C-alpha atoms as a PDB file:
ATOM      1  CA  MET A   1     -25.046  28.089 -39.888  1.00  0.00           C
ATOM      2  CA  GLY A   2     -23.764  31.334 -38.395  1.00  0.00           C
ATOM      3  CA  ILE A   3     -24.467  32.962 -35.033  1.00  0.00           C
ATOM      4  CA  ASP A   4     -23.620  36.592 -34.323  1.00  0.00           C
ATOM      5  CA  GLU A   5     -24.954  39.610 -32.489  1.00  0.00           C
ATOM      6  CA  ILE A   6     -26.004  43.137 -33.394  1.00  0.00           C
ATOM      7  CA  SER A   7     -27.023  46.038 -31.168  1.00  0.00           C
ATOM      8  CA  LYS A   8     -30.665  47.031 -30.930  1.00  0.00           C
ATOM      9  CA  GLN A   9     -29.762  50.669 -31.401  1.00  0.00           C
ATOM     10  CA  LYS A  10     -26.655  52.347 -32.775  1.00  0.00           C
ATOM     11  CA  GLY A  11     -24.133  53.068 -30.046  1.00  0.00           C
ATOM     12  CA  HIS A  12     -25.923  50.892 -27.483  1.00  0.00           C
ATOM     13  CA  LYS A  13     -24.561  47.728 -25.871  1.00  0.00           C
ATOM     14  CA  ASP A  14     -27.960  46.036 -25.773  1.00  0.00           C
ATOM     15  CA  PHE A  15     -27.536  43.111 -28.174  1.00  0.00           C
ATOM     16  CA  VAL A  16     -29.790  40.682 -29.963  1.00  0.00           C
ATOM     17  CA  THR A  17     -28.520  37.356 -31.307  1.00  0.00           C
ATOM     18  CA  VAL A  18     -28.860  36.647 -35.015  1.00  0.00           C
ATOM     19  CA  VAL A  19     -28.947  33.108 -36.427  1.00  0.00           C
ATOM     20  CA  SER A  20     -28.510  32.564 -40.168  1.00  0.00           C
ATOM     21  CA  ASP A  21     -28.242  29.857 -42.798  1.00  0.00           C
ATOM     22  CA  LEU A  22     -24.872  30.619 -44.418  1.00  0.00           C
ATOM     23  CA  GLU A  23     -25.415  28.388 -47.441  1.00  0.00           C
ATOM     24  CA  ALA A  24     -28.780  29.904 -48.321  1.00  0.00           C
ATOM     25  CA  GLY A  25     -27.897  33.416 -47.141  1.00  0.00           C
ATOM     26  CA  GLU A  26     -31.102  33.510 -45.122  1.00  0.00           C
ATOM     27  CA  LEU A  27     -32.004  34.815 -41.688  1.00  0.00           C
ATOM     28  CA  ILE A  28     -33.369  32.017 -39.464  1.00  0.00           C
ATOM     29  CA  GLU A  29     -34.051  33.664 -36.100  1.00  0.00           C
ATOM     30  CA  VAL A  30     -33.517  36.790 -34.009  1.00  0.00           C
ATOM     31  CA  ILE A  31     -33.276  36.306 -30.228  1.00  0.00           C
ATOM     32  CA  ASP A  32     -33.854  39.122 -27.757  1.00  0.00           C
ATOM     33  CA  SER A  33     -30.777  38.328 -25.672  1.00  0.00           C
ATOM     34  CA  HIS A  34     -27.039  37.757 -25.703  1.00  0.00           C
ATOM     35  CA  GLN A  35     -27.163  35.485 -22.676  1.00  0.00           C
ATOM     36  CA  GLN A  36     -26.155  31.872 -23.177  1.00  0.00           C
ATOM     37  CA  GLU A  37     -29.165  30.322 -21.469  1.00  0.00           C
ATOM     38  CA  ASP A  38     -31.632  32.488 -23.409  1.00  0.00           C
ATOM     39  CA  ILE A  39     -30.045  31.586 -26.744  1.00  0.00           C
ATOM     40  CA  VAL A  40     -30.150  27.888 -25.864  1.00  0.00           C
ATOM     41  CA  GLU A  41     -33.807  28.107 -24.828  1.00  0.00           C
ATOM     42  CA  ALA A  42     -34.782  29.792 -28.086  1.00  0.00           C
ATOM     43  CA  LEU A  43     -32.832  27.461 -30.367  1.00  0.00           C
ATOM     44  CA  MET A  44     -33.990  24.302 -28.574  1.00  0.00           C
ATOM     45  CA  GLN A  45     -37.467  25.032 -29.920  1.00  0.00           C
ATOM     46  CA  GLN A  46     -36.266  23.728 -33.286  1.00  0.00           C
ATOM     47  CA  PRO A  47     -36.977  20.002 -33.844  1.00  0.00           C
ATOM     48  CA  LEU A  48     -34.171  17.639 -32.867  1.00  0.00           C
ATOM     49  CA  GLU A  49     -33.812  16.298 -36.420  1.00  0.00           C
ATOM     50  CA  VAL A  50     -33.229  19.844 -37.664  1.00  0.00           C
ATOM     51  CA  ARG A  51     -30.627  20.558 -34.999  1.00  0.00           C
ATOM     52  CA  GLU A  52     -28.860  17.247 -35.585  1.00  0.00           C
ATOM     53  CA  ALA A  53     -28.544  18.035 -39.295  1.00  0.00           C
ATOM     54  CA  VAL A  54     -26.400  21.137 -38.692  1.00  0.00           C
ATOM     55  CA  GLU A  55     -22.808  20.280 -39.640  1.00  0.00           C
ATOM     56  CA  GLU A  56     -20.921  23.529 -38.924  1.00  0.00           C
ATOM     57  CA  VAL A  57     -21.594  26.728 -37.006  1.00  0.00           C
ATOM     58  CA  SER A  58     -19.400  29.756 -37.645  1.00  0.00           C
ATOM     59  CA  VAL A  59     -18.991  32.180 -34.727  1.00  0.00           C
ATOM     60  CA  ASP A  60     -16.710  34.860 -33.343  1.00  0.00           C
ATOM     61  CA  MET A  61     -14.659  34.254 -30.211  1.00  0.00           C
ATOM     62  CA  TRP A  62     -17.300  35.230 -27.653  1.00  0.00           C
ATOM     63  CA  GLY A  63     -17.025  32.657 -24.883  1.00  0.00           C
ATOM     64  CA  GLY A  64     -20.714  31.685 -24.744  1.00  0.00           C
ATOM     65  CA  PHE A  65     -21.223  30.526 -28.314  1.00  0.00           C
ATOM     66  CA  PRO A  66     -19.283  27.210 -28.149  1.00  0.00           C
ATOM     67  CA  ALA A  67     -21.317  26.029 -25.149  1.00  0.00           C
ATOM     68  CA  VAL A  68     -24.530  26.972 -26.954  1.00  0.00           C
ATOM     69  CA  ILE A  69     -23.512  25.037 -30.067  1.00  0.00           C
ATOM     70  CA  LYS A  70     -22.498  21.921 -28.129  1.00  0.00           C
ATOM     71  CA  GLU A  71     -25.859  21.822 -26.346  1.00  0.00           C
ATOM     72  CA  VAL A  72     -28.124  22.710 -29.258  1.00  0.00           C
ATOM     73  CA  PHE A  73     -26.352  21.268 -32.314  1.00  0.00           C
ATOM     74  CA  PRO A  74     -24.798  17.974 -31.131  1.00  0.00           C
ATOM     75  CA  ASN A  75     -23.271  17.030 -34.505  1.00  0.00           C
ATOM     76  CA  ALA A  76     -21.914  20.446 -35.472  1.00  0.00           C
ATOM     77  CA  GLU A  77     -18.284  21.504 -35.686  1.00  0.00           C
ATOM     78  CA  ILE A  78     -17.560  24.920 -34.162  1.00  0.00           C
ATOM     79  CA  VAL A  79     -15.676  27.152 -36.595  1.00  0.00           C
ATOM     80  CA  VAL A  80     -14.177  30.370 -35.270  1.00  0.00           C
ATOM     81  CA  ASP A  81     -14.562  32.857 -38.105  1.00  0.00           C
ATOM     82  CA  ARG A  82     -11.335  33.519 -39.995  1.00  0.00           C
ATOM     83  CA  PHE A  83     -11.907  37.258 -40.279  1.00  0.00           C
ATOM     84  CA  HIS A  84     -12.451  37.678 -36.550  1.00  0.00           C
ATOM     85  CA  VAL A  85      -9.125  35.917 -35.951  1.00  0.00           C
ATOM     86  CA  MET A  86      -7.343  38.152 -38.460  1.00  0.00           C
ATOM     87  CA  LYS A  87      -8.970  41.134 -36.754  1.00  0.00           C
ATOM     88  CA  ALA A  88      -7.310  40.108 -33.474  1.00  0.00           C
ATOM     89  CA  VAL A  89      -3.908  39.838 -35.176  1.00  0.00           C
ATOM     90  CA  ASN A  90      -4.366  43.182 -36.944  1.00  0.00           C
ATOM     91  CA  LYS A  91      -5.423  44.844 -33.701  1.00  0.00           C
ATOM     92  CA  ASN A  92      -2.199  43.671 -32.070  1.00  0.00           C
ATOM     93  CA  LEU A  93      -0.168  44.881 -35.068  1.00  0.00           C
ATOM     94  CA  ASN A  94      -1.808  48.296 -34.877  1.00  0.00           C
ATOM     95  CA  GLU A  95      -0.982  48.536 -31.172  1.00  0.00           C
ATOM     96  CA  ILE A  96       2.667  47.861 -32.039  1.00  0.00           C
ATOM     97  CA  ARG A  97       2.494  50.594 -34.691  1.00  0.00           C
ATOM     98  CA  LYS A  98       1.290  53.104 -32.110  1.00  0.00           C
ATOM     99  CA  GLN A  99       4.363  52.391 -29.963  1.00  0.00           C
ATOM    100  CA  ILE A 100       6.795  53.301 -32.750  1.00  0.00           C
ATOM    101  CA  LYS A 101       8.187  56.834 -32.979  1.00  0.00           C
ATOM    102  CA  PHE A 102       8.649  57.369 -36.703  1.00  0.00           C
ATOM    103  CA  LYS A 103      11.362  59.748 -37.846  1.00  0.00           C
ATOM    104  CA  VAL A 104       9.800  60.032 -41.284  1.00  0.00           C
ATOM    105  CA  LYS A 105       6.039  60.438 -41.369  1.00  0.00           C
ATOM    106  CA  VAL A 106       4.111  58.492 -44.004  1.00  0.00           C
ATOM    107  CA  LYS A 107       0.435  59.114 -44.660  1.00  0.00           C
ATOM    108  CA  GLY A 108      -1.898  56.170 -44.111  1.00  0.00           C
ATOM    109  CA  VAL A 109       0.571  54.010 -42.168  1.00  0.00           C
ATOM    110  CA  LYS A 110      -2.152  52.000 -40.455  1.00  0.00           C
ATOM    111  CA  TRP A 111      -3.860  51.152 -43.737  1.00  0.00           C
ATOM    112  CA  LEU A 112      -0.575  50.190 -45.391  1.00  0.00           C
ATOM    113  CA  LEU A 113       0.280  47.814 -42.551  1.00  0.00           C
ATOM    114  CA  LEU A 114      -3.086  46.143 -42.217  1.00  0.00           C
ATOM    115  CA  LYS A 115      -3.929  45.680 -45.880  1.00  0.00           C
ATOM    116  CA  ASN A 116      -2.862  42.418 -47.524  1.00  0.00           C
ATOM    117  CA  GLN A 117       0.577  43.158 -48.924  1.00  0.00           C
ATOM    118  CA  ASN A 118      -0.188  41.371 -52.209  1.00  0.00           C
ATOM    119  CA  ASP A 119      -2.984  43.885 -52.807  1.00  0.00           C
ATOM    120  CA  LEU A 120      -0.715  46.944 -52.562  1.00  0.00           C
ATOM    121  CA  ASN A 121       0.340  48.652 -55.787  1.00  0.00           C
ATOM    122  CA  ASP A 122       3.960  49.630 -56.484  1.00  0.00           C
ATOM    123  CA  ASP A 123       3.623  53.096 -54.963  1.00  0.00           C
ATOM    124  CA  GLU A 124       2.017  51.679 -51.825  1.00  0.00           C
ATOM    125  CA  GLN A 125       4.723  49.014 -51.579  1.00  0.00           C
ATOM    126  CA  GLU A 126       7.365  51.753 -51.592  1.00  0.00           C
ATOM    127  CA  LYS A 127       5.543  53.689 -48.888  1.00  0.00           C
ATOM    128  CA  LEU A 128       5.225  50.542 -46.792  1.00  0.00           C
ATOM    129  CA  GLU A 129       8.945  49.854 -47.125  1.00  0.00           C
ATOM    130  CA  SER A 130       9.743  53.427 -46.016  1.00  0.00           C
ATOM    131  CA  VAL A 131       7.711  52.689 -42.867  1.00  0.00           C
ATOM    132  CA  LEU A 132       9.143  49.254 -42.126  1.00  0.00           C
ATOM    133  CA  LYS A 133      12.776  50.277 -42.493  1.00  0.00           C
ATOM    134  CA  GLN A 134      12.317  52.590 -39.507  1.00  0.00           C
ATOM    135  CA  SER A 135      11.655  49.728 -37.077  1.00  0.00           C
ATOM    136  CA  LYS A 136      12.944  46.150 -37.040  1.00  0.00           C
ATOM    137  CA  ARG A 137      10.216  45.213 -34.569  1.00  0.00           C
ATOM    138  CA  LEU A 138       7.473  46.585 -36.795  1.00  0.00           C
ATOM    139  CA  ARG A 139       8.966  44.844 -39.841  1.00  0.00           C
ATOM    140  CA  LYS A 140       8.976  41.532 -37.997  1.00  0.00           C
ATOM    141  CA  ALA A 141       5.409  42.092 -36.780  1.00  0.00           C
ATOM    142  CA  HIS A 142       4.266  42.841 -40.322  1.00  0.00           C
ATOM    143  CA  GLU A 143       6.019  39.754 -41.686  1.00  0.00           C
ATOM    144  CA  LEU A 144       4.311  37.628 -39.041  1.00  0.00           C
ATOM    145  CA  LYS A 145       0.929  39.083 -39.944  1.00  0.00           C
ATOM    146  CA  GLU A 146       1.484  38.189 -43.587  1.00  0.00           C
ATOM    147  CA  ASP A 147       2.665  34.700 -42.576  1.00  0.00           C
ATOM    148  CA  PHE A 148      -0.505  34.217 -40.537  1.00  0.00           C
ATOM    149  CA  ARG A 149      -2.714  35.196 -43.467  1.00  0.00           C
ATOM    150  CA  ASP A 150      -0.699  32.918 -45.752  1.00  0.00           C
ATOM    151  CA  ILE A 151      -1.494  29.936 -43.517  1.00  0.00           C
ATOM    152  CA  TYR A 152      -5.192  30.566 -44.071  1.00  0.00           C
ATOM    153  CA  GLU A 153      -4.717  30.996 -47.810  1.00  0.00           C
ATOM    154  CA  ASN A 154      -2.504  28.014 -48.564  1.00  0.00           C
ATOM    155  CA  SER A 155      -3.238  25.256 -46.037  1.00  0.00           C
ATOM    156  CA  LYS A 156      -5.397  22.595 -47.666  1.00  0.00           C
ATOM    157  CA  GLU A 157      -5.901  20.275 -44.705  1.00  0.00           C
ATOM    158  CA  ARG A 158      -6.743  20.786 -41.039  1.00  0.00           C
ATOM    159  CA  ASP A 159      -3.649  19.040 -39.668  1.00  0.00           C
ATOM    160  CA  ILE A 160      -1.356  20.999 -41.968  1.00  0.00           C
ATOM    161  CA  GLY A 161      -3.007  24.287 -40.978  1.00  0.00           C
ATOM    162  CA  LYS A 162      -2.801  23.435 -37.290  1.00  0.00           C
ATOM    163  CA  ASN A 163       0.903  22.545 -37.512  1.00  0.00           C
ATOM    164  CA  LYS A 164       1.623  25.815 -39.295  1.00  0.00           C
ATOM    165  CA  PHE A 165      -0.334  27.833 -36.725  1.00  0.00           C
ATOM    166  CA  GLU A 166       1.539  26.112 -33.899  1.00  0.00           C
ATOM    167  CA  GLY A 167       4.827  27.080 -35.563  1.00  0.00           C
ATOM    168  CA  TRP A 168       3.578  30.644 -35.961  1.00  0.00           C
ATOM    169  CA  LEU A 169       2.674  30.814 -32.270  1.00  0.00           C
ATOM    170  CA  GLN A 170       6.248  29.905 -31.345  1.00  0.00           C
ATOM    171  CA  LYS A 171       7.722  32.556 -33.637  1.00  0.00           C
ATOM    172  CA  ALA A 172       5.237  35.271 -32.693  1.00  0.00           C
ATOM    173  CA  GLN A 173       4.991  34.907 -28.916  1.00  0.00           C
ATOM    174  CA  SER A 174       7.598  37.600 -28.171  1.00  0.00           C
ATOM    175  CA  ILE A 175       5.837  40.155 -30.411  1.00  0.00           C
ATOM    176  CA  TYR A 176       2.153  39.288 -30.647  1.00  0.00           C
ATOM    177  CA  THR A 177       1.437  38.758 -26.960  1.00  0.00           C
ATOM    178  CA  ASP A 178      -2.338  39.287 -27.044  1.00  0.00           C
ATOM    179  CA  ALA A 179      -2.995  37.656 -30.409  1.00  0.00           C
ATOM    180  CA  VAL A 180      -0.880  34.616 -29.519  1.00  0.00           C
ATOM    181  CA  LYS A 181      -2.926  34.104 -26.352  1.00  0.00           C
ATOM    182  CA  THR A 182      -6.184  34.434 -28.292  1.00  0.00           C
ATOM    183  CA  VAL A 183      -5.166  32.036 -31.054  1.00  0.00           C
ATOM    184  CA  ARG A 184      -3.772  29.490 -28.607  1.00  0.00           C
ATOM    185  CA  ASN A 185      -7.000  29.536 -26.555  1.00  0.00           C
ATOM    186  CA  HIS A 186      -9.142  28.878 -29.650  1.00  0.00           C
ATOM    187  CA  LEU A 187      -6.712  26.892 -31.802  1.00  0.00           C
ATOM    188  CA  ASP A 188      -8.832  23.786 -32.368  1.00  0.00           C
ATOM    189  CA  THR A 189     -11.954  25.668 -33.424  1.00  0.00           C
ATOM    190  CA  ILE A 190      -9.877  28.107 -35.487  1.00  0.00           C
ATOM    191  CA  CYS A 191      -8.411  25.131 -37.362  1.00  0.00           C
ATOM    192  CA  ASN A 192     -11.886  23.760 -38.111  1.00  0.00           C
ATOM    193  CA  TYR A 193     -11.922  26.409 -40.842  1.00  0.00           C
ATOM    194  CA  PHE A 194      -9.801  24.058 -42.939  1.00  0.00           C
ATOM    195  CA  LEU A 195     -12.513  21.378 -42.931  1.00  0.00           C
ATOM    196  CA  SER A 196     -14.775  23.260 -45.362  1.00  0.00           C
ATOM    197  CA  ARG A 197     -13.265  26.789 -45.367  1.00  0.00           C
ATOM    198  CA  THR A 198     -16.457  28.127 -43.802  1.00  0.00           C
ATOM    199  CA  THR A 199     -16.507  31.803 -42.809  1.00  0.00           C
ATOM    200  CA  SER A 200     -19.070  34.281 -41.509  1.00  0.00           C
ATOM    201  CA  GLY A 201     -18.755  36.471 -44.599  1.00  0.00           C
ATOM    202  CA  VAL A 202     -22.387  35.809 -45.528  1.00  0.00           C
ATOM    203  CA  MET A 203     -23.331  36.608 -41.933  1.00  0.00           C
ATOM    204  CA  GLU A 204     -21.667  40.009 -42.200  1.00  0.00           C
ATOM    205  CA  GLY A 205     -23.721  40.737 -45.304  1.00  0.00           C
ATOM    206  CA  ILE A 206     -26.920  39.766 -43.498  1.00  0.00           C
ATOM    207  CA  ASN A 207     -25.974  41.922 -40.507  1.00  0.00           C
ATOM    208  CA  ASN A 208     -25.327  44.901 -42.775  1.00  0.00           C
ATOM    209  CA  ARG A 209     -28.755  44.440 -44.324  1.00  0.00           C
ATOM    210  CA  LEU A 210     -30.349  44.304 -40.853  1.00  0.00           C
ATOM    211  CA  LYS A 211     -28.558  47.524 -39.880  1.00  0.00           C
ATOM    212  CA  LEU A 212     -29.923  49.180 -43.015  1.00  0.00           C
ATOM    213  CA  ILE A 213     -33.446  48.058 -42.102  1.00  0.00           C
ATOM    214  CA  LYS A 214     -32.982  49.590 -38.635  1.00  0.00           C
ATOM    215  CA  ARG A 215     -31.837  52.903 -40.132  1.00  0.00           C
ATOM    216  CA  GLN A 216     -34.738  53.004 -42.575  1.00  0.00           C
ATOM    217  CA  ALA A 217     -37.143  52.413 -39.687  1.00  0.00           C
ATOM    218  CA  TYR A 218     -35.366  55.063 -37.549  1.00  0.00           C
ATOM    219  CA  GLY A 219     -34.839  52.351 -34.956  1.00  0.00           C
ATOM    220  CA  PHE A 220     -37.291  50.027 -33.216  1.00  0.00           C
ATOM    221  CA  MET A 221     -38.713  50.638 -29.763  1.00  0.00           C
ATOM    222  CA  ASN A 222     -40.279  47.174 -29.611  1.00  0.00           C
ATOM    223  CA  PHE A 223     -38.248  43.986 -30.117  1.00  0.00           C
ATOM    224  CA  GLU A 224     -41.086  41.928 -31.597  1.00  0.00           C
ATOM    225  CA  ASN A 225     -41.700  44.594 -34.221  1.00  0.00           C
ATOM    226  CA  MET A 226     -38.012  44.528 -35.094  1.00  0.00           C
ATOM    227  CA  ARG A 227     -37.915  40.720 -35.216  1.00  0.00           C
ATOM    228  CA  ARG A 228     -40.971  40.515 -37.477  1.00  0.00           C
ATOM    229  CA  ARG A 229     -39.573  43.151 -39.824  1.00  0.00           C
ATOM    230  CA  PHE A 230     -36.211  41.409 -40.024  1.00  0.00           C
ATOM    231  CA  LEU A 231     -37.704  37.985 -40.712  1.00  0.00           C
ATOM    232  CA  SER A 232     -40.223  39.279 -43.241  1.00  0.00           C
ATOM    233  CA  CYS A 233     -37.438  40.930 -45.251  1.00  0.00           C
ATOM    234  CA  PHE A 234     -35.783  37.515 -45.660  1.00  0.00           C
ATOM    235  CA  SER A 235     -38.941  35.438 -46.157  1.00  0.00           C
END
């Protein structure tokens, strides 16, 4: 299962909570709130046997979701979504990039740094190297980002992944101040990824479809109308 939020209207900070079945790629419920107690109240309406059958719930790092999961889905493991964690690392890397005064300007520096290095072609690799040779700190930060991604890619067991992340935290703490704090605070639930390699990728696809429905409807003034439209499109 996945739990996430989307805004009611583009540019607004008025969120609804979206609950989905990640295996089936189906929307389960839309809740007119982003408050912990409201989400719990709505989800507790599901029968206990249904809630007890949920094995994993993938979420971002919003502080309220773990408490919701523990109360509503007593047998579920909380899995902090891999791509949200990488987003935190990449955000920190981009902040480091902004602090560097480059002597030689290279077009698309941000993209070159944040993209998986293995996916760069030869020309892009050369451009990246011309960027990294201008700053030892940026080179080290980029290497650490690639190391972090490699842990996700190549760790086959939870304990192995956790040990590698703990080693990364030691190496990265002088450079990735914010990301290190974030990863350390959520380390156990981040490492639950290695149990089944569950991500919220399907959830992102569902959210994109919901956003398209909103655009096609030119927005919804009434939540119940929006909820019914969303659910009917997945029924």
